[in-house]
């Protein structure tokens, strides 16, 4: 008398675990490069949509609209895109084998992202600036990132398709 335990699919499980162990030994830089490119694209989309995952950005103040009109910009000109300097500054700031940093070093980025007050030497001094988050990820972008990570560490096994001889 004895007990027999049979595990079906164990070969596939062992193969996937070996695949994961091999992937964990690989440098993470290629994964981080792919993720950082996706995130930069996602951040730039906020400028095109004039919104983030929380909703539409606050409109321009009357003072800013007046100043923009004087500079030749119409009332429908996109917010934060007058010169495109901020948009074009979004990038992978650092990508190594162990980490990545994505964002901008633009001097006005913090104020424009989080909101706050302009300084006394600003072009529009001592004014409140509403938050217009552009460095943020939606639930979908987070999900896409997790899928990229999973695909990097556990890619789908290759399947060969061909004719099976009849016996």
Foldseek 3Di string as FASTA:
>chain_A
DDDDDDDPPVVVVVVQVVLLVVLVVDFCQVLQVVLQVLLLVQLLVCQVVCAHQVGHDDADDPVVQVVVVVVPDDRPPTPPPPPCPQNVQWGFPDGDSVDTDTHGPDPCVVCQACWDFADCPDPDHGDTHHHRHRNDDHPVSVVVSVVSVCCSSRNDDDDDDDDDDDD
